[in-house]
Protein backbone atom coordinates (compact mmCIF):
# COMPACT_ATOMS: atom_id res chain seq x y z
CA MET A 1 70.37 -62.02 -94.97
CA THR A 2 70.99 -60.05 -98.16
CA GLN A 3 71.83 -57.02 -96.05
CA LEU A 4 74.40 -59.07 -94.14
CA ARG A 5 75.93 -60.44 -97.34
CA ASN A 6 76.21 -56.91 -98.70
CA VAL A 7 78.10 -55.81 -95.61
CA PHE A 8 80.65 -58.59 -96.02
CA SER A 9 80.77 -59.06 -99.79
CA GLY A 10 83.19 -57.40 -102.09
CA GLY A 11 85.92 -56.70 -99.59
CA SER A 12 87.44 -58.29 -96.66
CA PHE A 13 85.89 -58.20 -93.24
CA LEU A 14 89.42 -57.68 -91.97
CA LEU A 15 89.71 -54.55 -94.10
CA LEU A 16 86.49 -53.30 -92.56
CA CYS A 17 87.89 -54.00 -89.09
CA VAL A 18 91.12 -52.17 -89.89
CA ALA A 19 89.23 -49.19 -91.32
CA VAL A 20 86.96 -48.93 -88.30
CA SER A 21 89.90 -49.30 -85.90
CA ALA A 22 91.86 -46.63 -87.76
CA SER A 23 88.98 -44.18 -87.76
CA ILE A 24 88.46 -44.71 -84.04
CA ALA A 25 92.17 -44.31 -83.33
CA LEU A 26 92.36 -41.10 -85.37
CA THR A 27 89.25 -39.54 -83.83
CA PRO A 28 90.03 -37.25 -80.91
CA ALA A 29 88.53 -38.53 -77.68
CA VAL A 30 87.70 -35.03 -76.44
CA GLY A 31 86.60 -32.18 -78.66
CA SER A 32 88.06 -28.74 -78.38
CA ALA A 33 86.39 -25.84 -76.62
CA GLU A 34 85.80 -24.35 -80.07
CA ASP A 35 83.91 -27.49 -81.13
CA ALA A 36 81.68 -27.18 -78.06
CA LYS A 37 80.87 -23.56 -78.93
CA GLN A 38 79.91 -24.48 -82.49
CA SER A 39 77.64 -27.34 -81.43
CA PRO A 40 75.28 -26.50 -78.58
CA GLN A 41 74.18 -30.14 -78.31
CA THR A 42 76.48 -32.01 -75.93
CA THR A 43 74.42 -35.13 -75.32
CA TYR A 44 72.04 -37.35 -77.25
CA THR A 45 69.17 -39.63 -76.49
CA LYS A 46 69.29 -43.30 -77.36
CA LYS A 47 67.02 -46.28 -76.92
CA THR A 48 68.04 -49.18 -74.76
CA ILE A 49 66.24 -51.90 -72.86
CA THR A 50 65.15 -51.70 -69.26
CA HIS A 51 65.91 -54.34 -66.66
CA ALA A 52 62.17 -55.07 -66.47
CA LEU A 53 62.01 -55.89 -70.20
CA ALA A 54 65.21 -57.94 -70.03
CA ALA A 55 63.85 -59.95 -67.09
CA ARG A 56 60.56 -60.65 -68.91
CA MET A 57 62.51 -61.84 -71.95
CA VAL A 58 64.58 -64.19 -69.79
CA GLU A 59 61.41 -65.52 -68.16
CA ALA A 60 59.81 -66.19 -71.57
CA ALA A 61 62.92 -67.99 -72.84
CA VAL A 62 63.07 -70.13 -69.68
CA ALA A 63 59.37 -70.97 -70.02
CA ARG A 64 59.99 -72.13 -73.60
CA ALA A 65 62.97 -74.22 -72.42
CA LYS A 66 60.71 -75.92 -69.87
CA GLU A 67 58.20 -76.72 -72.64
CA LEU A 68 61.04 -78.27 -74.66
CA GLY A 69 62.37 -80.15 -71.64
CA VAL A 70 65.84 -78.62 -71.91
CA LYS A 71 68.02 -76.87 -69.32
CA GLN A 72 69.15 -73.48 -70.62
CA ASN A 73 71.26 -70.45 -69.81
CA VAL A 74 69.67 -67.19 -70.98
CA ALA A 75 71.42 -63.82 -71.22
CA VAL A 76 70.11 -60.42 -72.25
CA VAL A 77 72.52 -57.55 -72.91
CA ASP A 78 71.85 -53.87 -73.52
CA ASP A 79 72.94 -51.96 -76.62
CA GLY A 80 76.47 -51.64 -75.23
CA GLY A 81 76.83 -55.38 -74.66
CA HIS A 82 76.48 -55.16 -70.89
CA LEU A 83 74.62 -57.94 -69.13
CA LYS A 84 71.14 -56.77 -68.17
CA ALA A 85 69.50 -60.05 -67.08
CA PHE A 86 70.61 -63.66 -66.81
CA ALA A 87 69.24 -67.01 -65.71
CA ARG A 88 70.85 -70.41 -65.41
CA MET A 89 68.26 -73.13 -65.06
CA ASP A 90 69.09 -75.85 -62.55
CA GLY A 91 71.24 -78.40 -64.31
CA ALA A 92 72.03 -76.20 -67.33
CA PRO A 93 75.49 -76.85 -68.78
CA LEU A 94 78.33 -74.66 -67.56
CA LEU A 95 79.51 -74.00 -71.12
CA GLY A 96 76.20 -72.34 -71.84
CA ILE A 97 76.86 -69.55 -69.32
CA GLU A 98 79.54 -67.87 -71.38
CA GLY A 99 78.04 -69.09 -74.65
CA SER A 100 74.69 -67.41 -74.02
CA GLN A 101 76.39 -64.11 -73.20
CA ARG A 102 78.55 -64.29 -76.33
CA LYS A 103 75.49 -65.02 -78.45
CA ALA A 104 73.64 -62.03 -76.98
CA TYR A 105 76.65 -59.78 -77.62
CA THR A 106 77.11 -60.96 -81.19
CA ALA A 107 73.42 -60.32 -81.90
CA LEU A 108 74.19 -56.61 -81.39
CA PHE A 109 75.68 -56.73 -84.89
CA GLY A 110 72.03 -56.78 -85.98
CA PHE A 111 71.69 -60.39 -87.10
CA GLY A 112 70.86 -63.70 -85.50
CA THR A 113 74.04 -65.64 -84.77
CA ALA A 114 72.97 -68.57 -86.97
CA ASP A 115 72.33 -66.20 -89.89
CA PHE A 116 75.65 -64.50 -89.22
CA TYR A 117 77.47 -67.82 -89.44
CA ASN A 118 75.70 -68.80 -92.66
CA ALA A 119 76.73 -65.49 -94.24
CA ILE A 120 80.45 -65.79 -93.41
CA LYS A 121 81.09 -69.55 -93.20
CA ASP A 122 82.48 -69.88 -96.72
CA ASP A 123 84.99 -67.05 -96.35
CA PRO A 124 87.97 -67.99 -94.17
CA ALA A 125 89.08 -64.34 -93.92
CA LEU A 126 85.74 -63.36 -92.43
CA LEU A 127 85.80 -66.22 -89.95
CA VAL A 128 89.32 -65.30 -88.85
CA GLY A 129 88.34 -61.62 -88.73
CA LEU A 130 85.50 -62.41 -86.37
CA SER A 131 87.99 -63.85 -83.90
CA HIS A 132 89.30 -60.33 -83.37
CA PHE A 133 86.03 -59.36 -81.71
CA GLU A 134 86.29 -60.49 -78.12
CA GLY A 135 83.02 -61.96 -76.98
CA ALA A 136 81.66 -62.77 -80.42
CA THR A 137 80.46 -66.17 -81.63
CA VAL A 138 78.74 -67.66 -84.64
CA VAL A 139 76.87 -70.41 -82.81
CA GLY A 140 73.10 -70.18 -83.30
CA GLY A 141 70.97 -69.02 -80.39
CA GLY A 142 71.56 -65.25 -80.36
CA LEU A 143 69.02 -62.73 -81.66
CA PRO A 144 69.01 -58.95 -81.78
CA ILE A 145 66.41 -57.06 -79.78
CA THR A 146 65.06 -54.41 -82.13
CA ILE A 147 62.64 -51.61 -81.33
CA ASP A 148 61.53 -49.21 -84.07
CA GLY A 149 64.23 -50.54 -86.39
CA GLU A 150 67.02 -49.90 -83.87
CA VAL A 151 69.07 -52.62 -82.17
CA VAL A 152 68.66 -51.95 -78.45
CA GLY A 153 70.00 -55.21 -77.07
CA GLY A 154 70.59 -58.88 -77.69
CA ILE A 155 69.37 -62.16 -76.26
CA GLY A 156 71.44 -65.33 -76.21
CA VAL A 157 70.48 -68.84 -75.17
CA GLY A 158 72.83 -71.78 -74.67
CA GLY A 159 72.52 -75.27 -73.30
CA GLY A 160 70.42 -77.18 -75.79
CA THR A 161 70.74 -77.92 -79.48
CA VAL A 162 71.09 -74.93 -81.79
CA GLU A 163 67.43 -75.33 -82.77
CA GLN A 164 66.34 -75.38 -79.11
CA ASP A 165 68.51 -72.37 -78.31
CA ILE A 166 67.01 -70.41 -81.22
CA SER A 167 63.46 -71.39 -80.24
CA CYS A 168 64.03 -70.15 -76.69
CA ALA A 169 65.61 -66.90 -77.91
CA GLU A 170 62.65 -66.35 -80.22
CA ALA A 171 60.29 -66.79 -77.27
CA GLY A 172 62.23 -64.09 -75.44
CA VAL A 173 62.05 -61.68 -78.36
CA GLN A 174 58.30 -62.31 -78.72
CA VAL A 175 57.82 -60.46 -75.43
CA LEU A 176 58.21 -57.26 -77.48
CA GLY A 177 54.91 -57.99 -79.21
CA GLU A 178 52.93 -58.35 -75.99
C-alpha cells in the first residue's frame, strides 16, 4: 500500500499519464539498422501465465464461489491484459462479465483493485486520471498474479459482494502455492 501511495503521491496521476504517453509517442517504433548492429540482442524472454494455470485459477475461484453460495464470473488475463481463461457460473450476473475482466486488467498495475481504490479515492485528479485507462476499474475483486516478484497476469471476479469477489480471487491466486 505504501508503494502504491508513493507512486501517486507528490504529483498528479494525470502528469504521470501525460509523461508516459509523451515518452511512448516520442520513442521510435522501429530502430535503425545501426541500432541493430550495436545491440546483438533482438528479443527478450518474459514470464507469463499458461492457459493451464489460468484454468486452474478459474476453477479454484469457482469452487470458492460455490462454498460461499454465490454465482460468479471469473476472468484471468495474461501480462498483456489478454483474456486467458474465463468462466461464468450459471445464473451469474451479466454485469460481472465485463467487471471481472476489468478487475483482472487493472490488477496488472500490481495492486489489488480494492487497495488501488483506497489509495486514490481521496484525490479527484487521480480518479479522473484513471478513467483515461480503458478497461480499468477500482471495484474490489481484482488481484495481480505474481511469480518471482513479477506481475505475470491478473485475476478478476465479479458477481457477488466486494468481499465475496475478493475471497474468490484470493482462492484463485492460492493455486500458485500448490
